N, C-alpha and C. Protein backbone atom coordinates (compact mmCIF):
# COMPACT_ATOMS: atom_id res chain seq x y z
N UNK A 1 108.61 50.14 126.49
CA UNK A 1 107.25 49.50 125.80
C UNK A 1 107.66 49.61 124.58
N UNK A 2 107.34 48.30 123.64
CA UNK A 2 107.50 48.15 122.03
C UNK A 2 106.33 49.61 121.58
N UNK A 3 106.43 49.65 119.93
CA UNK A 3 105.40 50.95 119.65
C UNK A 3 104.22 50.27 119.50
N UNK A 4 104.25 49.10 119.06
CA UNK A 4 102.79 48.67 118.99
C UNK A 4 102.05 48.45 120.40
N UNK A 5 102.90 48.54 121.26
CA UNK A 5 102.03 48.35 122.56
C UNK A 5 101.88 49.51 123.07
N UNK A 6 102.75 50.71 122.71
CA UNK A 6 102.09 51.79 123.32
C UNK A 6 101.22 52.55 122.54
N UNK A 7 100.88 52.29 121.12
CA UNK A 7 99.79 52.58 120.43
C UNK A 7 98.13 52.00 121.14
N UNK A 8 98.68 50.40 121.41
CA UNK A 8 97.56 49.97 121.87
C UNK A 8 96.91 50.79 123.02
N UNK A 9 98.15 51.24 124.16
CA UNK A 9 97.67 51.69 125.04
C UNK A 9 97.13 53.18 124.95
N UNK A 10 97.94 53.89 123.92
CA UNK A 10 97.00 55.28 123.69
C UNK A 10 95.50 55.08 123.21
N UNK A 11 95.39 53.75 122.39
CA UNK A 11 94.32 53.56 122.17
C UNK A 11 92.90 53.53 123.09
N UNK A 12 93.54 52.97 123.89
CA UNK A 12 92.61 52.46 124.98
C UNK A 12 92.06 53.80 125.90
N UNK A 13 93.46 54.62 126.20
CA UNK A 13 93.01 55.70 127.18
C UNK A 13 92.14 56.40 126.29
N UNK A 14 92.50 57.16 125.05
CA UNK A 14 91.63 57.79 124.32
C UNK A 14 90.11 57.34 124.22
N UNK A 15 90.08 55.93 124.34
CA UNK A 15 88.34 55.76 124.64
C UNK A 15 87.82 55.78 125.84
N UNK A 16 88.39 55.63 126.99
CA UNK A 16 88.32 55.87 127.88
C UNK A 16 87.76 57.37 127.97
N UNK A 17 88.78 58.09 127.99
CA UNK A 17 89.13 59.70 127.85
C UNK A 17 87.65 60.16 127.21
N UNK A 18 87.06 59.31 126.02
CA UNK A 18 86.19 59.82 125.22
C UNK A 18 84.86 59.74 126.05
N UNK A 19 84.91 58.38 126.91
CA UNK A 19 83.58 58.32 127.64
C UNK A 19 83.33 59.27 128.42
N UNK A 20 82.29 59.89 128.53
CA UNK A 20 81.81 61.03 129.45
C UNK A 20 82.03 62.37 128.91
N UNK A 21 82.37 62.08 127.37
CA UNK A 21 82.30 63.48 126.68
C UNK A 21 81.72 63.19 125.46
N UNK A 22 80.45 63.28 126.03
CA UNK A 22 79.46 63.17 124.65
C UNK A 22 79.66 64.07 123.39
N UNK A 23 78.97 63.75 122.43
CA UNK A 23 78.79 64.86 121.49
C UNK A 23 78.15 65.83 121.67
N UNK A 24 78.05 66.83 121.31
CA UNK A 24 77.67 68.26 121.55
C UNK A 24 76.80 68.33 120.31
N UNK A 25 75.65 69.11 120.06
CA UNK A 25 75.03 69.19 118.95
C UNK A 25 74.26 70.35 119.39
N UNK A 26 73.81 71.37 118.41
CA UNK A 26 72.88 72.30 118.37
C UNK A 26 71.62 71.47 118.31
N UNK A 27 70.66 72.31 119.39
CA UNK A 27 69.47 71.34 119.62
C UNK A 27 68.29 72.97 119.26
N UNK A 28 67.39 72.98 118.42
CA UNK A 28 66.72 73.72 118.27
C UNK A 28 65.55 73.60 116.98
N UNK A 29 64.56 74.09 117.13
CA UNK A 29 63.30 74.38 116.48
C UNK A 29 62.71 75.60 115.76
N UNK A 30 62.41 75.62 114.54
CA UNK A 30 62.02 76.71 114.30
C UNK A 30 61.50 76.51 113.17
N UNK A 31 59.73 77.76 113.37
CA UNK A 31 58.85 77.36 112.19
C UNK A 31 58.55 78.60 111.97
N UNK A 32 58.45 78.72 110.95
CA UNK A 32 58.31 80.64 110.15
C UNK A 32 56.98 80.99 110.75
N UNK A 33 56.21 80.25 111.10
CA UNK A 33 54.20 81.37 111.39
C UNK A 33 54.77 81.21 113.18
N UNK A 34 55.65 80.35 114.20
CA UNK A 34 55.61 80.29 115.23
C UNK A 34 56.81 81.43 115.78
N UNK A 35 57.02 81.57 116.99
CA UNK A 35 57.59 82.08 117.63
C UNK A 35 58.99 81.23 117.89
N UNK A 36 60.40 81.84 117.47
CA UNK A 36 61.44 80.81 117.51
C UNK A 36 61.87 80.71 118.94
N UNK A 37 62.48 79.58 118.83
CA UNK A 37 63.14 79.06 120.19
C UNK A 37 64.27 79.04 120.01
N UNK A 38 64.84 79.36 121.32
CA UNK A 38 66.06 79.65 121.52
C UNK A 38 67.19 78.21 120.80
N UNK A 39 67.94 78.92 120.00
CA UNK A 39 68.94 77.43 119.77
C UNK A 39 70.74 77.61 120.69
N UNK A 40 71.13 76.43 121.19
CA UNK A 40 71.89 76.52 122.09
C UNK A 40 72.90 75.10 121.58
N UNK A 41 74.07 74.78 121.53
CA UNK A 41 74.68 73.87 121.83
C UNK A 41 74.42 72.97 122.94
N UNK A 42 74.42 71.78 123.28
CA UNK A 42 73.95 70.84 124.15
C UNK A 42 74.66 69.49 123.99
N UNK A 43 74.89 68.72 125.80
CA UNK A 43 75.78 67.65 125.41
C UNK A 43 74.44 66.40 125.06
N UNK A 44 74.99 65.59 124.26
CA UNK A 44 74.06 64.69 124.11
C UNK A 44 74.15 63.38 125.14
N UNK A 45 72.88 62.53 124.87
CA UNK A 45 73.50 61.39 125.78
C UNK A 45 73.75 60.07 125.14
N UNK A 46 74.34 59.53 125.90
CA UNK A 46 75.48 58.34 125.80
C UNK A 46 75.19 57.75 124.58
N UNK A 47 73.77 57.81 124.17
CA UNK A 47 72.90 56.67 123.12
C UNK A 47 73.44 57.51 121.72
N UNK A 48 73.36 58.84 121.84
CA UNK A 48 73.83 59.63 120.81
C UNK A 48 74.85 59.80 119.97
N UNK A 49 75.30 59.51 119.06
CA UNK A 49 76.84 59.90 117.88
C UNK A 49 76.58 60.53 116.75
N UNK A 50 75.67 61.40 116.52
CA UNK A 50 75.42 62.20 115.63
C UNK A 50 74.58 63.48 115.76
N UNK A 51 74.90 64.59 115.45
CA UNK A 51 74.30 65.77 115.17
C UNK A 51 73.52 65.66 113.81
N UNK A 52 71.99 66.03 113.75
CA UNK A 52 71.37 66.35 112.63
C UNK A 52 70.81 67.54 112.59
N UNK A 53 70.73 67.91 111.38
CA UNK A 53 70.09 69.33 110.70
C UNK A 53 69.02 69.05 109.83
N UNK A 54 67.75 69.15 109.71
CA UNK A 54 66.88 68.84 108.76
C UNK A 54 65.98 70.32 108.35
N UNK A 55 66.27 70.72 107.35
CA UNK A 55 65.07 71.59 106.65
C UNK A 55 63.83 71.22 105.96
N UNK A 56 62.97 71.89 106.32
CA UNK A 56 61.71 71.15 105.06
C UNK A 56 60.75 73.00 104.88
N UNK A 57 60.47 72.78 103.56
CA UNK A 57 59.51 73.19 103.21
C UNK A 57 58.13 73.36 103.01
N UNK A 58 57.06 73.24 103.51
CA UNK A 58 55.82 72.44 103.00
C UNK A 58 54.81 73.56 102.39
N UNK A 59 54.64 73.15 101.16
CA UNK A 59 53.58 73.91 100.41
C UNK A 59 52.29 73.87 100.17
N UNK A 60 51.35 74.55 100.41
CA UNK A 60 49.95 73.89 100.54
C UNK A 60 48.98 75.15 100.38
N UNK A 61 48.15 74.94 99.24
CA UNK A 61 47.14 76.53 99.37
C UNK A 61 48.06 77.54 98.97
N UNK A 62 48.96 77.27 98.14
CA UNK A 62 49.77 78.71 97.97
C UNK A 62 50.88 79.12 98.91
N UNK A 63 50.56 77.96 100.52
CA UNK A 63 51.35 79.09 101.43
C UNK A 63 52.21 78.16 101.64
N UNK A 64 53.79 78.36 102.08
CA UNK A 64 54.98 78.03 102.06
C UNK A 64 55.43 77.94 103.58
N UNK A 65 55.55 77.27 104.33
CA UNK A 65 55.78 77.06 105.95
C UNK A 65 57.35 76.24 105.90
N UNK A 66 58.10 76.98 106.50
CA UNK A 66 59.69 76.58 106.59
C UNK A 66 60.10 75.74 108.16
N UNK A 67 60.20 74.93 107.72
CA UNK A 67 60.83 74.21 109.53
C UNK A 67 62.18 73.78 109.52
N UNK A 68 63.26 74.43 110.76
CA UNK A 68 64.47 73.91 110.49
C UNK A 68 64.40 73.06 112.18
N UNK A 69 64.84 71.73 112.19
CA UNK A 69 65.17 70.88 113.10
C UNK A 69 66.53 70.95 113.07
N UNK A 70 66.93 70.87 114.79
CA UNK A 70 68.30 70.45 114.61
C UNK A 70 68.48 69.73 116.21
N UNK A 71 68.86 68.43 116.53
CA UNK A 71 68.93 67.56 117.27
C UNK A 71 70.02 66.39 117.44
N UNK A 72 69.80 66.23 118.55
CA UNK A 72 70.76 64.78 118.57
C UNK A 72 70.58 63.52 118.20
N UNK A 73 71.25 62.81 117.31
CA UNK A 73 70.50 61.36 116.62
C UNK A 73 71.77 60.28 116.79
N UNK A 74 71.22 59.32 116.13
CA UNK A 74 72.47 58.51 115.49
C UNK A 74 72.51 58.24 114.46
N UNK A 75 73.82 57.19 114.09
CA UNK A 75 74.31 57.22 112.49
C UNK A 75 73.40 56.34 112.20
N UNK A 76 72.91 55.37 112.94
CA UNK A 76 71.58 54.22 112.36
C UNK A 76 70.65 55.14 112.03
N UNK A 77 69.86 55.83 112.82
CA UNK A 77 68.74 56.34 112.16
C UNK A 77 68.91 57.60 111.30
N UNK A 78 70.09 57.82 111.22
CA UNK A 78 70.03 59.45 110.46
C UNK A 78 70.22 59.17 108.82
N UNK A 79 69.12 59.51 107.97
CA UNK A 79 69.46 59.07 106.25
C UNK A 79 69.36 60.64 105.98
N UNK A 80 71.27 60.88 105.45
CA UNK A 80 71.25 62.20 105.02
C UNK A 80 70.22 62.16 103.60
N UNK A 81 70.17 63.63 103.07
CA UNK A 81 69.91 63.32 101.50
C UNK A 81 68.47 64.26 101.11
N UNK A 82 68.40 64.42 100.06
CA UNK A 82 67.33 65.13 99.78
C UNK A 82 65.55 64.62 100.19
N UNK A 83 65.49 65.58 100.99
CA UNK A 83 63.71 65.15 100.99
C UNK A 83 62.62 65.93 100.59
N UNK A 84 61.99 64.88 99.67
CA UNK A 84 60.82 65.31 98.51
C UNK A 84 59.86 64.28 98.82
N UNK A 85 58.56 65.10 99.00
CA UNK A 85 57.15 64.51 98.98
C UNK A 85 56.41 65.31 97.98
N UNK A 86 55.19 64.40 97.63
CA UNK A 86 54.26 65.19 97.00
C UNK A 86 52.79 64.54 96.66
N UNK A 87 51.61 65.03 97.30
CA UNK A 87 50.31 63.99 96.75
C UNK A 87 49.74 65.11 95.49
N UNK A 88 48.46 64.20 95.51
CA UNK A 88 47.93 64.75 94.40
C UNK A 88 47.09 66.24 94.16
N UNK A 89 46.71 66.29 95.50
CA UNK A 89 45.94 67.52 96.00
C UNK A 89 46.71 68.73 96.06
N UNK A 90 48.14 68.62 95.67
CA UNK A 90 48.40 69.85 96.07
C UNK A 90 49.61 70.35 97.00
N UNK A 91 49.88 69.08 97.83
CA UNK A 91 50.59 69.44 99.04
C UNK A 91 52.05 68.83 98.57
N UNK A 92 53.19 69.36 98.88
CA UNK A 92 54.72 69.06 98.76
C UNK A 92 55.30 69.60 99.51
N UNK A 93 56.18 68.67 99.99
CA UNK A 93 57.74 68.86 101.07
C UNK A 93 58.38 68.91 99.93
N UNK A 94 59.70 69.78 100.65
CA UNK A 94 61.07 69.86 99.88
C UNK A 94 61.96 70.24 100.83
N UNK A 95 63.15 69.48 100.97
CA UNK A 95 63.97 69.92 101.87
C UNK A 95 65.34 69.02 101.79
N UNK A 96 65.99 69.04 103.25
CA UNK A 96 67.64 68.54 102.98
C UNK A 96 67.76 68.15 104.11
N UNK A 97 68.32 66.52 104.36
CA UNK A 97 68.32 66.55 105.82
C UNK A 97 70.48 66.18 105.95
N UNK A 98 71.06 66.70 106.91
CA UNK A 98 71.98 66.66 107.07
C UNK A 98 72.80 66.01 108.58
N UNK A 99 73.63 64.81 108.23
CA UNK A 99 74.21 63.96 109.81
C UNK A 99 75.62 64.31 109.40
N UNK A 100 75.90 64.63 110.51
CA UNK A 100 77.12 64.68 111.13
C UNK A 100 78.09 64.41 111.97
N UNK A 101 79.04 64.59 112.74
CA UNK A 101 79.71 63.55 114.15
C UNK A 101 80.66 64.16 114.53
N UNK A 102 80.77 65.68 114.27
CA UNK A 102 81.58 66.54 115.24
C UNK A 102 80.95 67.63 115.88
N UNK A 103 81.92 67.82 117.02
CA UNK A 103 80.56 68.71 118.36
C UNK A 103 80.75 70.09 117.14
N UNK A 104 78.96 70.45 117.60
CA UNK A 104 78.34 71.55 116.77
C UNK A 104 78.33 71.71 115.25
N UNK A 105 78.57 70.89 114.64
CA UNK A 105 78.48 70.50 113.10
C UNK A 105 77.35 71.01 112.79
N UNK A 106 76.38 70.62 113.13
CA UNK A 106 74.86 70.86 112.45
C UNK A 106 74.13 72.30 112.90
N UNK A 107 75.16 73.09 113.16
CA UNK A 107 75.10 74.62 113.26
C UNK A 107 74.69 75.15 111.76
N UNK A 108 75.00 74.32 110.50
CA UNK A 108 74.74 74.87 109.30
C UNK A 108 72.96 74.40 108.63
N UNK A 109 72.63 75.37 108.22
CA UNK A 109 71.31 74.95 107.75
C UNK A 109 71.19 74.47 106.12
N UNK A 110 71.38 73.23 106.21
CA UNK A 110 71.29 72.41 104.74
C UNK A 110 70.42 73.49 103.78
N UNK A 111 70.74 73.88 102.19
CA UNK A 111 70.16 74.44 101.65
C UNK A 111 68.99 73.39 101.18
N UNK A 112 67.80 74.39 100.66
CA UNK A 112 66.80 73.38 100.15
C UNK A 112 67.00 73.02 98.65
N UNK A 113 67.02 72.10 98.32
CA UNK A 113 67.32 71.48 97.00
C UNK A 113 66.12 71.98 95.64
N UNK A 114 66.55 72.05 95.16
CA UNK A 114 65.42 72.27 93.86
C UNK A 114 64.52 70.81 93.32
N UNK A 115 63.68 70.93 93.48
CA UNK A 115 62.36 70.26 93.36
C UNK A 115 62.28 69.58 91.90
N UNK A 116 62.98 68.10 91.44
CA UNK A 116 62.82 68.08 90.37
C UNK A 116 61.39 67.70 89.74
N UNK A 117 60.77 67.95 88.70
CA UNK A 117 59.37 67.59 88.89
C UNK A 117 59.12 66.66 87.31
N UNK A 118 60.49 65.94 87.18
CA UNK A 118 60.59 64.86 85.83
C UNK A 118 59.80 63.72 86.28
N UNK A 119 59.08 62.91 85.77
CA UNK A 119 58.32 61.65 86.17
C UNK A 119 59.44 61.04 85.76
N UNK A 120 59.75 59.56 87.07
CA UNK A 120 60.61 58.57 86.37
C UNK A 120 60.17 57.27 86.43
N UNK A 121 58.88 57.33 85.95
CA UNK A 121 58.23 56.13 85.64
C UNK A 121 57.66 55.20 86.98
N UNK A 122 57.89 55.65 88.05
CA UNK A 122 57.26 54.94 89.31
C UNK A 122 55.97 55.70 89.78
N UNK A 123 54.71 55.05 90.45
CA UNK A 123 53.76 55.90 90.72
C UNK A 123 53.35 55.25 92.08
N UNK A 124 52.58 56.20 92.95
CA UNK A 124 51.90 56.09 93.97
C UNK A 124 50.18 56.29 94.20
N UNK A 125 49.39 55.48 94.87
CA UNK A 125 48.16 55.86 95.37
C UNK A 125 48.15 57.12 96.26
N UNK A 126 47.74 57.81 95.95
CA UNK A 126 47.64 59.36 96.51
C UNK A 126 46.07 59.66 96.98
N UNK A 127 46.22 60.80 98.23
CA UNK A 127 44.93 61.25 98.74
C UNK A 127 45.24 62.06 99.75
N UNK A 128 44.74 63.22 100.34
CA UNK A 128 45.14 63.83 101.40
C UNK A 128 43.79 64.22 102.08
N UNK A 129 42.93 64.04 103.20
CA UNK A 129 42.12 63.87 103.32
C UNK A 129 41.77 64.33 105.18
N UNK A 130 41.10 64.27 105.70
CA UNK A 130 40.87 64.69 107.38
C UNK A 130 39.85 63.02 107.69
N UNK A 131 40.20 63.02 108.72
CA UNK A 131 39.11 61.96 109.66
C UNK A 131 38.18 62.40 110.10
N UNK A 132 36.73 61.95 109.54
CA UNK A 132 36.44 60.51 109.11
C UNK A 132 36.47 60.31 107.78
N UNK A 133 36.65 61.40 106.84
CA UNK A 133 36.65 61.29 105.26
C UNK A 133 37.53 60.21 104.69
N UNK A 134 36.59 59.42 103.84
CA UNK A 134 37.32 58.55 103.22
C UNK A 134 38.21 58.68 101.99
N UNK A 135 39.68 57.67 102.22
CA UNK A 135 40.48 58.41 101.51
C UNK A 135 40.09 57.66 100.05
N UNK A 136 39.47 58.63 99.11
CA UNK A 136 39.44 58.04 97.71
C UNK A 136 40.75 58.36 97.19
N UNK A 137 41.64 56.87 96.93
CA UNK A 137 42.82 57.18 96.22
C UNK A 137 42.88 57.58 94.83
N UNK A 138 43.61 58.50 94.32
CA UNK A 138 43.81 58.43 93.15
C UNK A 138 45.11 58.24 92.64
N UNK A 139 45.68 58.06 91.46
CA UNK A 139 47.48 57.78 91.29
C UNK A 139 48.16 59.13 90.95
N UNK A 140 49.09 58.68 91.90
CA UNK A 140 50.31 60.19 91.09
C UNK A 140 51.25 59.40 90.47
N UNK A 141 52.14 60.27 89.74
CA UNK A 141 53.46 59.54 89.15
C UNK A 141 54.41 60.26 90.28
N UNK A 142 55.10 59.85 90.00
CA UNK A 142 56.57 60.00 91.47
C UNK A 142 57.33 60.81 90.64
N UNK A 143 58.31 62.16 90.85
CA UNK A 143 59.12 62.34 90.35
C UNK A 143 60.42 62.55 90.58
N UNK A 144 61.36 62.80 89.66
CA UNK A 144 62.76 62.98 90.37
C UNK A 144 63.45 61.53 91.15
N UNK A 145 63.72 61.94 92.44
CA UNK A 145 63.89 60.82 93.00
C UNK A 145 63.16 60.27 94.03
N UNK A 146 61.40 60.90 93.63
CA UNK A 146 60.93 59.83 94.69
C UNK A 146 60.68 58.18 94.41
N UNK A 147 61.28 57.65 95.14
CA UNK A 147 60.84 55.96 94.70
C UNK A 147 60.33 55.24 95.56
N UNK A 148 59.69 56.08 96.89
CA UNK A 148 58.71 55.52 97.76
C UNK A 148 57.56 56.04 97.88
N UNK A 149 56.30 55.00 98.08
CA UNK A 149 54.92 55.38 98.63
C UNK A 149 54.98 55.81 99.87
N UNK A 150 53.95 56.87 100.50
CA UNK A 150 53.69 56.41 102.06
C UNK A 150 52.59 56.96 102.38
N UNK A 151 52.47 56.36 103.38
CA UNK A 151 50.98 56.75 103.89
C UNK A 151 51.55 57.58 105.55
N UNK A 152 51.03 58.76 105.73
CA UNK A 152 51.42 59.75 106.78
C UNK A 152 49.92 60.64 107.48
N UNK A 153 49.78 59.90 108.61
CA UNK A 153 48.79 60.16 109.88
C UNK A 153 49.56 61.37 110.28
N UNK A 154 49.00 62.56 110.30
CA UNK A 154 49.55 63.55 111.43
C UNK A 154 47.90 64.15 112.18
N UNK A 155 47.53 63.52 113.72
CA UNK A 155 46.50 64.24 113.82
C UNK A 155 45.37 63.81 113.23
N UNK A 156 44.42 64.50 113.02
CA UNK A 156 43.07 64.03 112.09
C UNK A 156 43.36 64.11 110.56
N UNK A 157 44.65 64.23 109.96
CA UNK A 157 45.29 64.27 108.60
C UNK A 157 45.74 63.20 108.00
N UNK A 158 45.32 62.65 107.29
CA UNK A 158 45.72 61.65 106.39
C UNK A 158 46.40 62.11 105.02
N UNK A 159 47.72 61.69 104.58
CA UNK A 159 48.51 61.80 103.55
C UNK A 159 49.02 60.74 102.41
N UNK A 160 48.70 60.27 101.38
CA UNK A 160 49.64 59.27 100.56
C UNK A 160 50.07 59.73 99.45
N UNK A 161 50.94 59.53 99.01
CA UNK A 161 52.01 59.99 97.64
C UNK A 161 53.00 59.35 97.55
N UNK A 162 53.86 60.10 96.68
CA UNK A 162 55.26 59.77 96.18
C UNK A 162 56.14 60.55 97.42
N UNK A 163 57.45 59.73 97.92
CA UNK A 163 58.74 60.49 98.96
C UNK A 163 59.75 59.87 98.37
N UNK A 164 61.08 60.85 98.67
CA UNK A 164 61.93 60.17 99.23
C UNK A 164 62.74 59.21 100.32
N UNK A 165 63.65 58.26 100.60
CA UNK A 165 63.30 57.74 101.39
C UNK A 165 64.07 58.22 102.24
N UNK A 166 65.17 59.64 102.20
CA UNK A 166 64.96 60.72 103.33
C UNK A 166 64.25 61.29 103.88
N UNK A 167 63.13 61.60 102.98
CA UNK A 167 61.63 61.85 103.50
C UNK A 167 60.62 61.06 104.88
N UNK A 168 61.05 59.55 104.20
CA UNK A 168 60.27 58.47 105.03
C UNK A 168 60.84 58.56 106.22
N UNK A 169 62.31 58.31 105.83
CA UNK A 169 63.48 57.84 107.33
C UNK A 169 63.08 59.84 108.28
N UNK A 170 62.72 60.43 108.02
CA UNK A 170 62.65 61.66 108.85
C UNK A 170 61.74 62.63 108.67
N UNK A 171 60.53 61.96 108.19
CA UNK A 171 59.25 62.72 108.26
C UNK A 171 58.73 63.27 109.58
N UNK A 172 58.88 61.73 110.41
CA UNK A 172 58.43 62.46 111.90
C UNK A 172 59.53 63.03 112.68
N UNK A 173 60.48 63.50 112.56
CA UNK A 173 61.14 64.53 113.10
C UNK A 173 60.60 66.11 112.78
N UNK A 174 60.35 66.16 111.69
CA UNK A 174 59.31 67.56 110.68
C UNK A 174 58.21 67.80 112.17
N UNK A 175 57.57 66.72 112.31
CA UNK A 175 56.34 66.90 112.94
C UNK A 175 55.53 68.27 112.26
N UNK A 176 55.37 68.33 111.50
CA UNK A 176 54.46 69.57 110.75
C UNK A 176 53.61 69.50 109.53
N UNK A 177 52.71 69.93 109.33
CA UNK A 177 52.06 70.13 108.15
C UNK A 177 51.31 71.07 108.03
N UNK A 178 51.04 71.65 106.59
CA UNK A 178 49.61 72.79 106.64
C UNK A 178 48.64 71.68 106.56
N UNK A 179 47.52 72.36 107.25
CA UNK A 179 46.62 71.41 107.18
C UNK A 179 45.26 72.33 106.32
N UNK A 180 45.18 73.74 106.63
CA UNK A 180 44.41 74.69 105.62
C UNK A 180 44.71 75.55 105.19
N UNK A 181 44.04 76.98 104.95
CA UNK A 181 44.44 78.25 104.50
C UNK A 181 44.59 79.31 105.59
N UNK A 182 44.56 78.82 107.09
CA UNK A 182 44.68 79.30 108.02
C UNK A 182 45.95 78.74 108.72
N UNK A 183 46.64 78.06 108.66
CA UNK A 183 47.93 77.76 109.35
C UNK A 183 48.29 76.48 109.04
N UNK A 184 49.09 75.80 110.36
CA UNK A 184 49.90 74.84 110.24
C UNK A 184 49.67 74.19 111.55
N UNK A 185 50.00 72.48 111.53
CA UNK A 185 49.90 71.41 112.55
C UNK A 185 50.95 70.97 112.74
N UNK A 186 51.41 70.81 114.38
CA UNK A 186 52.15 70.02 114.82
C UNK A 186 51.82 69.00 115.59
N UNK A 187 51.88 67.34 115.44
CA UNK A 187 51.80 66.73 115.84
C UNK A 187 52.29 65.65 115.72
N UNK A 188 52.30 64.30 116.49
CA UNK A 188 52.41 63.23 116.09
C UNK A 188 52.34 62.81 114.83
N UNK A 189 53.79 62.17 114.32
CA UNK A 189 53.11 61.40 112.95
C UNK A 189 53.30 60.25 113.30
N UNK A 190 52.44 59.26 112.26
CA UNK A 190 52.78 58.04 111.86
C UNK A 190 52.99 57.76 110.96
N UNK A 191 53.93 57.40 110.14
CA UNK A 191 54.55 56.98 108.78
C UNK A 191 54.70 55.62 108.20
N UNK A 192 53.96 55.27 106.96
CA UNK A 192 54.55 53.89 106.60
C UNK A 192 55.49 54.07 105.10
N UNK A 193 55.99 53.49 104.62
CA UNK A 193 57.12 54.03 103.49
C UNK A 193 56.75 52.14 102.76
N UNK A 194 56.75 52.25 101.19
CA UNK A 194 57.05 50.57 100.79
C UNK A 194 57.39 51.70 99.21
N UNK A 195 58.40 50.63 98.79
CA UNK A 195 58.92 50.90 97.50
C UNK A 195 57.58 51.15 96.22
N UNK A 196 57.69 51.81 95.67
CA UNK A 196 56.87 52.38 94.64
C UNK A 196 57.53 51.68 93.57
N UNK A 197 56.13 51.16 93.06
CA UNK A 197 55.89 50.47 91.81
C UNK A 197 56.45 51.18 90.14
N UNK A 198 56.31 50.28 89.38
CA UNK A 198 56.83 51.07 88.02
C UNK A 198 55.13 51.03 87.30
N UNK A 199 55.29 51.92 86.66
CA UNK A 199 53.58 52.41 85.86
C UNK A 199 53.37 51.46 84.70
């Protein structure tokens, strides 16, 4: 058999061998104000080809809650990079998202970047309310890498403000927000994002 033929056969055998051996990712969820769930390496389903590690620190009312979530993902849905958002009434989230494609590669918790508070010339409508309160929209200046306007609904809470693309893509995975001075809420997220306009 010729060398090209041998290489082609090897490629086919490798592809066949790879089938049935899904990527293994660390799967866990840790929130500083709740009991820690066990961390484990799991075989991902055949639809997954990426491991994801997301860390977010949410700050409101002088209180910060840190969330670390690790799970199976796909290259198409995992948006790496800095996770920033803020609304006019003191809520901000800072974090980082890691995407990788080798077994156990998401055991590392990405470092939380420093939030750049320099206005970047973009703006968004902003509010933070609980249903059925009316969202009295204010204007907030976007900062640093924030280039998206978002509207996020978490349970009875509605937030609007500036965010990064990585926040818009990964917010639903975090599933946590600080709702008041007593604690945090974990529930289903719904988020809409659009490009932030110039001031």
